[in-house]
Amino acid sequence: MTTALLVALGAAVGAAGRHLTNHWLRERFGATPAGGTLAVNLLGSFVLGVLAGAAADGGWLALLGIGFCGAYTTFSTLALELWSAFEDGRRREVVANAALSLALGLPAAYLGIWLAS
């Protein structure tokens, strides 16, 4: 299978997975859209960390790292949600969401690397 097809397949699963995860978090826990984005970004950081720690390359990196994680996680959604909260005057939410995304995303990636190494 070509690299482009592996990326496309991973992206299709990742995008659907993000949608389903956000829906499940809203239904099950009453999560806000920003909470769902935070959750998928942290999980995606962890998965990408596992791939990096396992020194994944070739097909696995294309399928899971570029395709799945690229579509499952989303910086653009984070940026839009931060901007929307900022415009609505929810400054604490902006700071908390941005801080948590970095403060928890980096350790999630490191944990994945550490576990896979």
PDB file of N, CA and C in Angstrom:
ATOM      1  N   MET A   1       0.859  -1.179   0.000  1.00  0.00           N
ATOM      2  CA  MET A   1       0.000   0.000   0.000  1.00  0.00           C
ATOM      3  C   MET A   1       0.897   1.232   0.000  1.00  0.00           C
ATOM      4  N   THR A   2       0.539   2.234  -0.773  1.00  0.00           N
ATOM      5  CA  THR A   2       1.378   3.424  -0.842  1.00  0.00           C
ATOM      6  C   THR A   2       1.226   4.269   0.412  1.00  0.00           C
ATOM      7  N   THR A   3       2.226   5.096   0.645  1.00  0.00           N
ATOM      8  CA  THR A   3       2.214   5.966   1.825  1.00  0.00           C
ATOM      9  C   THR A   3       0.986   6.868   1.836  1.00  0.00           C
ATOM     10  N   ALA A   4       0.644   7.432   0.689  1.00  0.00           N
ATOM     11  CA  ALA A   4      -0.517   8.324   0.619  1.00  0.00           C
ATOM     12  C   ALA A   4      -1.801   7.610   1.024  1.00  0.00           C
ATOM     13  N   LEU A   5      -1.956   6.361   0.617  1.00  0.00           N
ATOM     14  CA  LEU A   5      -3.158   5.611   0.998  1.00  0.00           C
ATOM     15  C   LEU A   5      -3.169   5.307   2.488  1.00  0.00           C
ATOM     16  N   LEU A   6      -2.011   5.009   3.049  1.00  0.00           N
ATOM     17  CA  LEU A   6      -1.931   4.765   4.492  1.00  0.00           C
ATOM     18  C   LEU A   6      -2.297   6.028   5.277  1.00  0.00           C
ATOM     19  N   VAL A   7      -1.795   7.170   4.828  1.00  0.00           N
ATOM     20  CA  VAL A   7      -2.131   8.438   5.487  1.00  0.00           C
ATOM     21  C   VAL A   7      -3.635   8.693   5.382  1.00  0.00           C
ATOM     22  N   ALA A   8      -4.209   8.487   4.209  1.00  0.00           N
ATOM     23  CA  ALA A   8      -5.646   8.718   4.005  1.00  0.00           C
ATOM     24  C   ALA A   8      -6.485   7.784   4.879  1.00  0.00           C
ATOM     25  N   LEU A   9      -6.099   6.526   4.950  1.00  0.00           N
ATOM     26  CA  LEU A   9      -6.828   5.574   5.779  1.00  0.00           C
ATOM     27  C   LEU A   9      -6.757   5.973   7.253  1.00  0.00           C
ATOM     28  N   GLY A  10      -5.560   6.307   7.720  1.00  0.00           N
ATOM     29  CA  GLY A  10      -5.406   6.745   9.107  1.00  0.00           C
ATOM     30  C   GLY A  10      -6.189   8.006   9.397  1.00  0.00           C
ATOM     31  N   ALA A  11      -6.195   8.941   8.451  1.00  0.00           N
ATOM     32  CA  ALA A  11      -6.925  10.195   8.630  1.00  0.00           C
ATOM     33  C   ALA A  11      -8.427   9.960   8.708  1.00  0.00           C
ATOM     34  N   ALA A  12      -8.932   9.053   7.886  1.00  0.00           N
ATOM     35  CA  ALA A  12     -10.367   8.754   7.915  1.00  0.00           C
ATOM     36  C   ALA A  12     -10.777   8.200   9.278  1.00  0.00           C
ATOM     37  N   VAL A  13      -9.978   7.304   9.802  1.00  0.00           N
ATOM     38  CA  VAL A  13     -10.276   6.719  11.120  1.00  0.00           C
ATOM     39  C   VAL A  13     -10.092   7.776  12.210  1.00  0.00           C
ATOM     40  N   GLY A  14      -9.037   8.592  12.098  1.00  0.00           N
ATOM     41  CA  GLY A  14      -8.773   9.619  13.102  1.00  0.00           C
ATOM     42  C   GLY A  14      -9.869  10.667  13.166  1.00  0.00           C
ATOM     43  N   ALA A  15     -10.329  11.141  12.023  1.00  0.00           N
ATOM     44  CA  ALA A  15     -11.379  12.161  11.999  1.00  0.00           C
ATOM     45  C   ALA A  15     -12.690  11.616  12.571  1.00  0.00           C
ATOM     46  N   ALA A  16     -13.046  10.401  12.166  1.00  0.00           N
ATOM     47  CA  ALA A  16     -14.255   9.783  12.721  1.00  0.00           C
ATOM     48  C   ALA A  16     -14.089   9.539  14.221  1.00  0.00           C
ATOM     49  N   GLY A  17     -12.901   9.130  14.621  1.00  0.00           N
ATOM     50  CA  GLY A  17     -12.626   8.900  16.035  1.00  0.00           C
ATOM     51  C   GLY A  17     -12.748  10.167  16.860  1.00  0.00           C
ATOM     52  N   ARG A  18     -12.268  11.280  16.311  1.00  0.00           N
ATOM     53  CA  ARG A  18     -12.391  12.555  17.023  1.00  0.00           C
ATOM     54  C   ARG A  18     -13.858  12.913  17.209  1.00  0.00           C
ATOM     55  N   HIS A  19     -14.640  12.767  16.159  1.00  0.00           N
ATOM     56  CA  HIS A  19     -16.069  13.080  16.236  1.00  0.00           C
ATOM     57  C   HIS A  19     -16.755  12.193  17.282  1.00  0.00           C
ATOM     58  N   LEU A  20     -16.488  10.904  17.223  1.00  0.00           N
ATOM     59  CA  LEU A  20     -17.120   9.970  18.166  1.00  0.00           C
ATOM     60  C   LEU A  20     -16.668  10.217  19.598  1.00  0.00           C
ATOM     61  N   THR A  21     -15.396  10.518  19.788  1.00  0.00           N
ATOM     62  CA  THR A  21     -14.893  10.805  21.136  1.00  0.00           C
ATOM     63  C   THR A  21     -15.555  12.044  21.703  1.00  0.00           C
ATOM     64  N   ASN A  22     -15.620  13.122  20.908  1.00  0.00           N
ATOM     65  CA  ASN A  22     -16.271  14.353  21.370  1.00  0.00           C
ATOM     66  C   ASN A  22     -17.733  14.106  21.714  1.00  0.00           C
ATOM     67  N   HIS A  23     -18.429  13.370  20.861  1.00  0.00           N
ATOM     68  CA  HIS A  23     -19.846  13.057  21.109  1.00  0.00           C
ATOM     69  C   HIS A  23     -19.994  12.246  22.392  1.00  0.00           C
ATOM     70  N   TRP A  24     -19.163  11.237  22.556  1.00  0.00           N
ATOM     71  CA  TRP A  24     -19.233  10.390  23.746  1.00  0.00           C
ATOM     72  C   TRP A  24     -18.952  11.202  25.009  1.00  0.00           C
ATOM     73  N   LEU A  25     -17.961  12.069  24.975  1.00  0.00           N
ATOM     74  CA  LEU A  25     -17.634  12.885  26.152  1.00  0.00           C
ATOM     75  C   LEU A  25     -18.759  13.850  26.497  1.00  0.00           C
ATOM     76  N   ARG A  26     -19.411  14.411  25.472  1.00  0.00           N
ATOM     77  CA  ARG A  26     -20.554  15.297  25.733  1.00  0.00           C
ATOM     78  C   ARG A  26     -21.714  14.523  26.343  1.00  0.00           C
ATOM     79  N   GLU A  27     -22.042  13.372  25.752  1.00  0.00           N
ATOM     80  CA  GLU A  27     -23.174  12.577  26.226  1.00  0.00           C
ATOM     81  C   GLU A  27     -22.926  11.982  27.612  1.00  0.00           C
ATOM     82  N   ARG A  28     -21.757  11.441  27.805  1.00  0.00           N
ATOM     83  CA  ARG A  28     -21.438  10.708  29.039  1.00  0.00           C
ATOM     84  C   ARG A  28     -21.104  11.626  30.207  1.00  0.00           C
ATOM     85  N   PHE A  29     -20.333  12.702  29.918  1.00  0.00           N
ATOM     86  CA  PHE A  29     -19.818  13.539  30.995  1.00  0.00           C
ATOM     87  C   PHE A  29     -20.238  14.998  30.897  1.00  0.00           C
ATOM     88  N   GLY A  30     -21.006  15.350  29.877  1.00  0.00           N
ATOM     89  CA  GLY A  30     -21.415  16.741  29.706  1.00  0.00           C
ATOM     90  C   GLY A  30     -20.251  17.655  29.341  1.00  0.00           C
ATOM     91  N   ALA A  31     -19.238  17.102  28.699  1.00  0.00           N
ATOM     92  CA  ALA A  31     -18.048  17.881  28.348  1.00  0.00           C
ATOM     93  C   ALA A  31     -18.391  18.978  27.353  1.00  0.00           C
ATOM     94  N   THR A  32     -17.717  20.079  27.486  1.00  0.00           N
ATOM     95  CA  THR A  32     -17.851  21.170  26.526  1.00  0.00           C
ATOM     96  C   THR A  32     -17.061  20.818  25.269  1.00  0.00           C
ATOM     97  N   PRO A  33     -17.308  21.523  24.164  1.00  0.00           N
ATOM     98  CA  PRO A  33     -16.485  21.279  22.979  1.00  0.00           C
ATOM     99  C   PRO A  33     -14.986  21.456  23.271  1.00  0.00           C
ATOM    100  N   ALA A  34     -14.643  22.452  24.065  1.00  0.00           N
ATOM    101  CA  ALA A  34     -13.233  22.668  24.407  1.00  0.00           C
ATOM    102  C   ALA A  34     -12.681  21.498  25.224  1.00  0.00           C
ATOM    103  N   GLY A  35     -13.487  20.938  26.081  1.00  0.00           N
ATOM    104  CA  GLY A  35     -13.057  19.770  26.859  1.00  0.00           C
ATOM    105  C   GLY A  35     -12.817  18.562  25.971  1.00  0.00           C
ATOM    106  N   GLY A  36     -13.661  18.389  24.967  1.00  0.00           N
ATOM    107  CA  GLY A  36     -13.467  17.289  24.022  1.00  0.00           C
ATOM    108  C   GLY A  36     -12.206  17.468  23.204  1.00  0.00           C
ATOM    109  N   THR A  37     -11.948  18.697  22.776  1.00  0.00           N
ATOM    110  CA  THR A  37     -10.730  18.974  22.016  1.00  0.00           C
ATOM    111  C   THR A  37      -9.502  18.718  22.865  1.00  0.00           C
ATOM    112  N   LEU A  38      -9.542  19.143  24.116  1.00  0.00           N
ATOM    113  CA  LEU A  38      -8.418  18.891  25.029  1.00  0.00           C
ATOM    114  C   LEU A  38      -8.181  17.396  25.175  1.00  0.00           C
ATOM    115  N   ALA A  39      -9.246  16.633  25.353  1.00  0.00           N
ATOM    116  CA  ALA A  39      -9.117  15.187  25.544  1.00  0.00           C
ATOM    117  C   ALA A  39      -8.505  14.507  24.317  1.00  0.00           C
ATOM    118  N   VAL A  40      -8.990  14.831  23.128  1.00  0.00           N
ATOM    119  CA  VAL A  40      -8.441  14.176  21.941  1.00  0.00           C
ATOM    120  C   VAL A  40      -7.006  14.618  21.679  1.00  0.00           C
ATOM    121  N   ASN A  41      -6.697  15.872  21.964  1.00  0.00           N
ATOM    122  CA  ASN A  41      -5.330  16.334  21.761  1.00  0.00           C
ATOM    123  C   ASN A  41      -4.361  15.659  22.726  1.00  0.00           C
ATOM    124  N   LEU A  42      -4.780  15.428  23.961  1.00  0.00           N
ATOM    125  CA  LEU A  42      -3.916  14.739  24.927  1.00  0.00           C
ATOM    126  C   LEU A  42      -3.727  13.278  24.534  1.00  0.00           C
ATOM    127  N   LEU A  43      -4.802  12.621  24.139  1.00  0.00           N
ATOM    128  CA  LEU A  43      -4.677  11.221  23.725  1.00  0.00           C
ATOM    129  C   LEU A  43      -3.822  11.109  22.462  1.00  0.00           C
ATOM    130  N   GLY A  44      -4.022  12.013  21.534  1.00  0.00           N
ATOM    131  CA  GLY A  44      -3.211  12.014  20.321  1.00  0.00           C
ATOM    132  C   GLY A  44      -1.742  12.268  20.617  1.00  0.00           C
ATOM    133  N   SER A  45      -1.461  13.155  21.563  1.00  0.00           N
ATOM    134  CA  SER A  45      -0.073  13.410  21.969  1.00  0.00           C
ATOM    135  C   SER A  45       0.556  12.153  22.540  1.00  0.00           C
ATOM    136  N   PHE A  46      -0.211  11.438  23.340  1.00  0.00           N
ATOM    137  CA  PHE A  46       0.280  10.191  23.924  1.00  0.00           C
ATOM    138  C   PHE A  46       0.569   9.157  22.831  1.00  0.00           C
ATOM    139  N   VAL A  47      -0.365   8.974  21.908  1.00  0.00           N
ATOM    140  CA  VAL A  47      -0.183   7.993  20.822  1.00  0.00           C
ATOM    141  C   VAL A  47       1.031   8.353  19.979  1.00  0.00           C
ATOM    142  N   LEU A  48       1.179   9.632  19.643  1.00  0.00           N
ATOM    143  CA  LEU A  48       2.335  10.048  18.856  1.00  0.00           C
ATOM    144  C   LEU A  48       3.621   9.839  19.651  1.00  0.00           C
ATOM    145  N   GLY A  49       3.572  10.043  20.960  1.00  0.00           N
ATOM    146  CA  GLY A  49       4.729   9.761  21.802  1.00  0.00           C
ATOM    147  C   GLY A  49       5.094   8.288  21.783  1.00  0.00           C
ATOM    148  N   VAL A  50       4.092   7.425  21.839  1.00  0.00           N
ATOM    149  CA  VAL A  50       4.346   5.979  21.763  1.00  0.00           C
ATOM    150  C   VAL A  50       5.031   5.643  20.439  1.00  0.00           C
ATOM    151  N   LEU A  51       4.546   6.204  19.355  1.00  0.00           N
ATOM    152  CA  LEU A  51       5.149   5.949  18.044  1.00  0.00           C
ATOM    153  C   LEU A  51       6.599   6.437  18.003  1.00  0.00           C
ATOM    154  N   ALA A  52       6.842   7.617  18.567  1.00  0.00           N
ATOM    155  CA  ALA A  52       8.210   8.155  18.584  1.00  0.00           C
ATOM    156  C   ALA A  52       9.111   7.284  19.461  1.00  0.00           C
ATOM    157  N   GLY A  53       8.605   6.879  20.614  1.00  0.00           N
ATOM    158  CA  GLY A  53       9.395   6.046  21.518  1.00  0.00           C
ATOM    159  C   GLY A  53       9.695   4.678  20.945  1.00  0.00           C
ATOM    160  N   ALA A  54       8.785   4.173  20.141  1.00  0.00           N
ATOM    161  CA  ALA A  54       8.983   2.868  19.513  1.00  0.00           C
ATOM    162  C   ALA A  54       9.774   2.994  18.212  1.00  0.00           C
ATOM    163  N   ALA A  55      10.179   4.210  17.890  1.00  0.00           N
ATOM    164  CA  ALA A  55      10.922   4.492  16.659  1.00  0.00           C
ATOM    165  C   ALA A  55      10.176   3.967  15.426  1.00  0.00           C
ATOM    166  N   ALA A  56       8.863   4.203  15.429  1.00  0.00           N
ATOM    167  CA  ALA A  56       8.041   3.777  14.296  1.00  0.00           C
ATOM    168  C   ALA A  56       8.475   4.511  13.043  1.00  0.00           C
ATOM    169  N   ASP A  57       8.461   3.818  11.942  1.00  0.00           N
ATOM    170  CA  ASP A  57       8.775   4.455  10.675  1.00  0.00           C
ATOM    171  C   ASP A  57       7.965   3.792   9.580  1.00  0.00           C
ATOM    172  N   GLY A  58       8.133   4.281   8.383  1.00  0.00           N
ATOM    173  CA  GLY A  58       7.466   3.679   7.242  1.00  0.00           C
ATOM    174  C   GLY A  58       5.959   3.692   7.351  1.00  0.00           C
ATOM    175  N   GLY A  59       5.379   2.522   7.128  1.00  0.00           N
ATOM    176  CA  GLY A  59       3.927   2.391   7.082  1.00  0.00           C
ATOM    177  C   GLY A  59       3.226   2.743   8.379  1.00  0.00           C
ATOM    178  N   TRP A  60       3.785   2.309   9.504  1.00  0.00           N
ATOM    179  CA  TRP A  60       3.138   2.604  10.791  1.00  0.00           C
ATOM    180  C   TRP A  60       3.112   4.100  11.081  1.00  0.00           C
ATOM    181  N   LEU A  61       4.203   4.778  10.789  1.00  0.00           N
ATOM    182  CA  LEU A  61       4.251   6.216  11.013  1.00  0.00           C
ATOM    183  C   LEU A  61       3.267   6.935  10.091  1.00  0.00           C
ATOM    184  N   ALA A  62       3.184   6.505   8.844  1.00  0.00           N
ATOM    185  CA  ALA A  62       2.246   7.119   7.900  1.00  0.00           C
ATOM    186  C   ALA A  62       0.803   6.900   8.343  1.00  0.00           C
ATOM    187  N   LEU A  63       0.479   5.657   8.703  1.00  0.00           N
ATOM    188  CA  LEU A  63      -0.886   5.303   9.090  1.00  0.00           C
ATOM    189  C   LEU A  63      -1.313   5.958  10.405  1.00  0.00           C
ATOM    190  N   LEU A  64      -0.510   5.761  11.434  1.00  0.00           N
ATOM    191  CA  LEU A  64      -0.899   6.217  12.773  1.00  0.00           C
ATOM    192  C   LEU A  64      -0.410   7.613  13.122  1.00  0.00           C
ATOM    193  N   GLY A  65       0.847   7.902  12.821  1.00  0.00           N
ATOM    194  CA  GLY A  65       1.412   9.188  13.206  1.00  0.00           C
ATOM    195  C   GLY A  65       0.885  10.341  12.369  1.00  0.00           C
ATOM    196  N   ILE A  66       1.040  10.218  11.072  1.00  0.00           N
ATOM    197  CA  ILE A  66       0.619  11.301  10.181  1.00  0.00           C
ATOM    198  C   ILE A  66      -0.888  11.262   9.949  1.00  0.00           C
ATOM    199  N   GLY A  67      -1.412  10.094   9.575  1.00  0.00           N
ATOM    200  CA  GLY A  67      -2.832   9.983   9.252  1.00  0.00           C
ATOM    201  C   GLY A  67      -3.739  10.091  10.466  1.00  0.00           C
ATOM    202  N   PHE A  68      -3.662   9.086  11.346  1.00  0.00           N
ATOM    203  CA  PHE A  68      -4.578   9.045  12.484  1.00  0.00           C
ATOM    204  C   PHE A  68      -4.396  10.243  13.414  1.00  0.00           C
ATOM    205  N   CYS A  69      -3.169  10.432  13.929  1.00  0.00           N
ATOM    206  CA  CYS A  69      -2.949  11.520  14.887  1.00  0.00           C
ATOM    207  C   CYS A  69      -3.173  12.883  14.249  1.00  0.00           C
ATOM    208  N   GLY A  70      -2.807  13.012  12.981  1.00  0.00           N
ATOM    209  CA  GLY A  70      -3.013  14.284  12.293  1.00  0.00           C
ATOM    210  C   GLY A  70      -4.482  14.668  12.185  1.00  0.00           C
ATOM    211  N   ALA A  71      -5.345  13.686  11.987  1.00  0.00           N
ATOM    212  CA  ALA A  71      -6.780  13.972  11.878  1.00  0.00           C
ATOM    213  C   ALA A  71      -7.490  13.915  13.225  1.00  0.00           C
ATOM    214  N   TYR A  72      -6.991  13.099  14.133  1.00  0.00           N
ATOM    215  CA  TYR A  72      -7.631  12.952  15.449  1.00  0.00           C
ATOM    216  C   TYR A  72      -7.411  14.197  16.307  1.00  0.00           C
ATOM    217  N   THR A  73      -6.196  14.706  16.292  1.00  0.00           N
ATOM    218  CA  THR A  73      -5.897  15.918  17.048  1.00  0.00           C
ATOM    219  C   THR A  73      -6.092  17.114  16.133  1.00  0.00           C
ATOM    220  N   THR A  74      -6.247  18.285  16.727  1.00  0.00           N
ATOM    221  CA  THR A  74      -6.517  19.417  15.868  1.00  0.00           C
ATOM    222  C   THR A  74      -6.139  20.734  16.525  1.00  0.00           C
ATOM    223  N   PHE A  75      -5.090  21.334  15.999  1.00  0.00           N
ATOM    224  CA  PHE A  75      -4.685  22.648  16.475  1.00  0.00           C
ATOM    225  C   PHE A  75      -5.673  23.711  16.009  1.00  0.00           C
ATOM    226  N   SER A  76      -6.206  23.549  14.807  1.00  0.00           N
ATOM    227  CA  SER A  76      -7.122  24.554  14.279  1.00  0.00           C
ATOM    228  C   SER A  76      -8.391  24.655  15.123  1.00  0.00           C
ATOM    229  N   THR A  77      -8.906  23.539  15.577  1.00  0.00           N
ATOM    230  CA  THR A  77     -10.088  23.582  16.439  1.00  0.00           C
ATOM    231  C   THR A  77      -9.755  24.230  17.773  1.00  0.00           C
ATOM    232  N   LEU A  78      -8.600  23.899  18.326  1.00  0.00           N
ATOM    233  CA  LEU A  78      -8.165  24.531  19.578  1.00  0.00           C
ATOM    234  C   LEU A  78      -8.087  26.041  19.391  1.00  0.00           C
ATOM    235  N   ALA A  79      -7.464  26.487  18.316  1.00  0.00           N
ATOM    236  CA  ALA A  79      -7.313  27.921  18.077  1.00  0.00           C
ATOM    237  C   ALA A  79      -8.683  28.603  17.941  1.00  0.00           C
ATOM    238  N   LEU A  80      -9.603  27.982  17.213  1.00  0.00           N
ATOM    239  CA  LEU A  80     -10.931  28.562  17.037  1.00  0.00           C
ATOM    240  C   LEU A  80     -11.691  28.615  18.362  1.00  0.00           C
ATOM    241  N   GLU A  81     -11.610  27.568  19.151  1.00  0.00           N
ATOM    242  CA  GLU A  81     -12.293  27.560  20.444  1.00  0.00           C
ATOM    243  C   GLU A  81     -11.702  28.602  21.393  1.00  0.00           C
ATOM    244  N   LEU A  82     -10.380  28.761  21.361  1.00  0.00           N
ATOM    245  CA  LEU A  82      -9.749  29.788  22.193  1.00  0.00           C
ATOM    246  C   LEU A  82     -10.202  31.181  21.756  1.00  0.00           C
ATOM    247  N   TRP A  83     -10.227  31.414  20.443  1.00  0.00           N
ATOM    248  CA  TRP A  83     -10.644  32.717  19.948  1.00  0.00           C
ATOM    249  C   TRP A  83     -12.105  32.993  20.290  1.00  0.00           C
ATOM    250  N   SER A  84     -12.963  32.010  20.137  1.00  0.00           N
ATOM    251  CA  SER A  84     -14.380  32.174  20.454  1.00  0.00           C
ATOM    252  C   SER A  84     -14.573  32.519  21.930  1.00  0.00           C
ATOM    253  N   ALA A  85     -13.863  31.812  22.797  1.00  0.00           N
ATOM    254  CA  ALA A  85     -13.954  32.100  24.232  1.00  0.00           C
ATOM    255  C   ALA A  85     -13.424  33.497  24.535  1.00  0.00           C
ATOM    256  N   PHE A  86     -12.350  33.894  23.869  1.00  0.00           N
ATOM    257  CA  PHE A  86     -11.784  35.231  24.052  1.00  0.00           C
ATOM    258  C   PHE A  86     -12.788  36.301  23.654  1.00  0.00           C
ATOM    259  N   GLU A  87     -13.417  36.126  22.500  1.00  0.00           N
ATOM    260  CA  GLU A  87     -14.413  37.098  22.030  1.00  0.00           C
ATOM    261  C   GLU A  87     -15.612  37.178  22.963  1.00  0.00           C
ATOM    262  N   ASP A  88     -15.966  36.050  23.581  1.00  0.00           N
ATOM    263  CA  ASP A  88     -17.096  36.020  24.505  1.00  0.00           C
ATOM    264  C   ASP A  88     -16.738  36.527  25.886  1.00  0.00           C
ATOM    265  N   GLY A  89     -15.487  36.921  26.069  1.00  0.00           N
ATOM    266  CA  GLY A  89     -15.057  37.444  27.368  1.00  0.00           C
ATOM    267  C   GLY A  89     -14.728  36.377  28.395  1.00  0.00           C
ATOM    268  N   ARG A  90     -14.591  35.145  27.963  1.00  0.00           N
ATOM    269  CA  ARG A  90     -14.281  34.042  28.894  1.00  0.00           C
ATOM    270  C   ARG A  90     -12.766  33.883  28.985  1.00  0.00           C
ATOM    271  N   ARG A  91     -12.122  34.896  29.547  1.00  0.00           N
ATOM    272  CA  ARG A  91     -10.659  34.956  29.596  1.00  0.00           C
ATOM    273  C   ARG A  91     -10.060  33.811  30.413  1.00  0.00           C
ATOM    274  N   ARG A  92     -10.672  33.459  31.507  1.00  0.00           N
ATOM    275  CA  ARG A  92     -10.155  32.353  32.333  1.00  0.00           C
ATOM    276  C   ARG A  92     -10.148  31.043  31.551  1.00  0.00           C
ATOM    277  N   GLU A  93     -11.197  30.805  30.780  1.00  0.00           N
ATOM    278  CA  GLU A  93     -11.274  29.594  29.966  1.00  0.00           C
ATOM    279  C   GLU A  93     -10.164  29.577  28.919  1.00  0.00           C
ATOM    280  N   VAL A  94      -9.898  30.727  28.319  1.00  0.00           N
ATOM    281  CA  VAL A  94      -8.833  30.823  27.319  1.00  0.00           C
ATOM    282  C   VAL A  94      -7.495  30.442  27.946  1.00  0.00           C
ATOM    283  N   VAL A  95      -7.186  31.067  29.063  1.00  0.00           N
ATOM    284  CA  VAL A  95      -5.899  30.808  29.725  1.00  0.00           C
ATOM    285  C   VAL A  95      -5.823  29.363  30.205  1.00  0.00           C
ATOM    286  N   ALA A  96      -6.896  28.877  30.825  1.00  0.00           N
ATOM    287  CA  ALA A  96      -6.890  27.506  31.344  1.00  0.00           C
ATOM    288  C   ALA A  96      -6.745  26.483  30.222  1.00  0.00           C
ATOM    289  N   ASN A  97      -7.477  26.661  29.137  1.00  0.00           N
ATOM    290  CA  ASN A  97      -7.433  25.701  28.038  1.00  0.00           C
ATOM    291  C   ASN A  97      -6.060  25.707  27.370  1.00  0.00           C
ATOM    292  N   ALA A  98      -5.520  26.886  27.109  1.00  0.00           N
ATOM    293  CA  ALA A  98      -4.195  26.968  26.489  1.00  0.00           C
ATOM    294  C   ALA A  98      -3.133  26.376  27.415  1.00  0.00           C
ATOM    295  N   ALA A  99      -3.202  26.708  28.684  1.00  0.00           N
ATOM    296  CA  ALA A  99      -2.213  26.207  29.643  1.00  0.00           C
ATOM    297  C   ALA A  99      -2.314  24.693  29.810  1.00  0.00           C
ATOM    298  N   LEU A 100      -3.533  24.183  29.932  1.00  0.00           N
ATOM    299  CA  LEU A 100      -3.709  22.740  30.088  1.00  0.00           C
ATOM    300  C   LEU A 100      -3.268  21.977  28.840  1.00  0.00           C
ATOM    301  N   SER A 101      -3.528  22.545  27.665  1.00  0.00           N
ATOM    302  CA  SER A 101      -3.125  21.882  26.428  1.00  0.00           C
ATOM    303  C   SER A 101      -1.616  21.677  26.387  1.00  0.00           C
ATOM    304  N   LEU A 102      -0.871  22.685  26.795  1.00  0.00           N
ATOM    305  CA  LEU A 102       0.588  22.560  26.817  1.00  0.00           C
ATOM    306  C   LEU A 102       1.078  21.787  28.038  1.00  0.00           C
ATOM    307  N   ALA A 103       0.539  22.137  29.204  1.00  0.00           N
ATOM    308  CA  ALA A 103       1.027  21.530  30.444  1.00  0.00           C
ATOM    309  C   ALA A 103       0.733  20.034  30.520  1.00  0.00           C
ATOM    310  N   LEU A 104      -0.325  19.583  29.870  1.00  0.00           N
ATOM    311  CA  LEU A 104      -0.655  18.158  29.889  1.00  0.00           C
ATOM    312  C   LEU A 104      -0.267  17.447  28.592  1.00  0.00           C
ATOM    313  N   GLY A 105      -0.260  18.177  27.472  1.00  0.00           N
ATOM    314  CA  GLY A 105       0.089  17.565  26.189  1.00  0.00           C
ATOM    315  C   GLY A 105       1.544  17.136  26.121  1.00  0.00           C
ATOM    316  N   LEU A 106       2.441  17.962  26.609  1.00  0.00           N
ATOM    317  CA  LEU A 106       3.858  17.605  26.602  1.00  0.00           C
ATOM    318  C   LEU A 106       4.143  16.383  27.473  1.00  0.00           C
ATOM    319  N   PRO A 107       3.633  16.335  28.706  1.00  0.00           N
ATOM    320  CA  PRO A 107       3.848  15.115  29.491  1.00  0.00           C
ATOM    321  C   PRO A 107       3.179  13.883  28.885  1.00  0.00           C
ATOM    322  N   ALA A 108       2.032  14.062  28.222  1.00  0.00           N
ATOM    323  CA  ALA A 108       1.380  12.911  27.579  1.00  0.00           C
ATOM    324  C   ALA A 108       2.276  12.347  26.481  1.00  0.00           C
ATOM    325  N   ALA A 109       2.871  13.213  25.695  1.00  0.00           N
ATOM    326  CA  ALA A 109       3.788  12.763  24.648  1.00  0.00           C
ATOM    327  C   ALA A 109       5.007  12.086  25.269  1.00  0.00           C
ATOM    328  N   TYR A 110       5.558  12.686  26.319  1.00  0.00           N
ATOM    329  CA  TYR A 110       6.729  12.105  26.980  1.00  0.00           C
ATOM    330  C   TYR A 110       6.391  10.740  27.572  1.00  0.00           C
ATOM    331  N   LEU A 111       5.219  10.611  28.189  1.00  0.00           N
ATOM    332  CA  LEU A 111       4.805   9.325  28.773  1.00  0.00           C
ATOM    333  C   LEU A 111       4.743   8.257  27.685  1.00  0.00           C
ATOM    334  N   GLY A 112       4.186   8.625  26.542  1.00  0.00           N
ATOM    335  CA  GLY A 112       4.138   7.673  25.431  1.00  0.00           C
ATOM    336  C   GLY A 112       5.528   7.260  24.983  1.00  0.00           C
ATOM    337  N   ILE A 113       6.439   8.231  24.865  1.00  0.00           N
ATOM    338  CA  ILE A 113       7.807   7.908  24.485  1.00  0.00           C
ATOM    339  C   ILE A 113       8.457   7.007  25.515  1.00  0.00           C
ATOM    340  N   TRP A 114       8.286   7.336  26.774  1.00  0.00           N
ATOM    341  CA  TRP A 114       8.896   6.564  27.867  1.00  0.00           C
ATOM    342  C   TRP A 114       8.356   5.146  27.899  1.00  0.00           C
ATOM    343  N   LEU A 115       7.055   4.974  27.752  1.00  0.00           N
ATOM    344  CA  LEU A 115       6.462   3.636  27.789  1.00  0.00           C
ATOM    345  C   LEU A 115       6.897   2.778  26.608  1.00  0.00           C
ATOM    346  N   ALA A 116       7.095   3.413  25.454  1.00  0.00           N
ATOM    347  CA  ALA A 116       7.438   2.645  24.262  1.00  0.00           C
ATOM    348  C   ALA A 116       8.945   2.388  24.133  1.00  0.00           C
ATOM    349  N   SER A 117       9.733   3.110  24.889  1.00  0.00           N
ATOM    350  CA  SER A 117      11.192   2.952  24.771  1.00  0.00           C
ATOM    351  C   SER A 117      11.702   1.751  25.556  1.00  0.00           C
TER     352      SER A 117
END
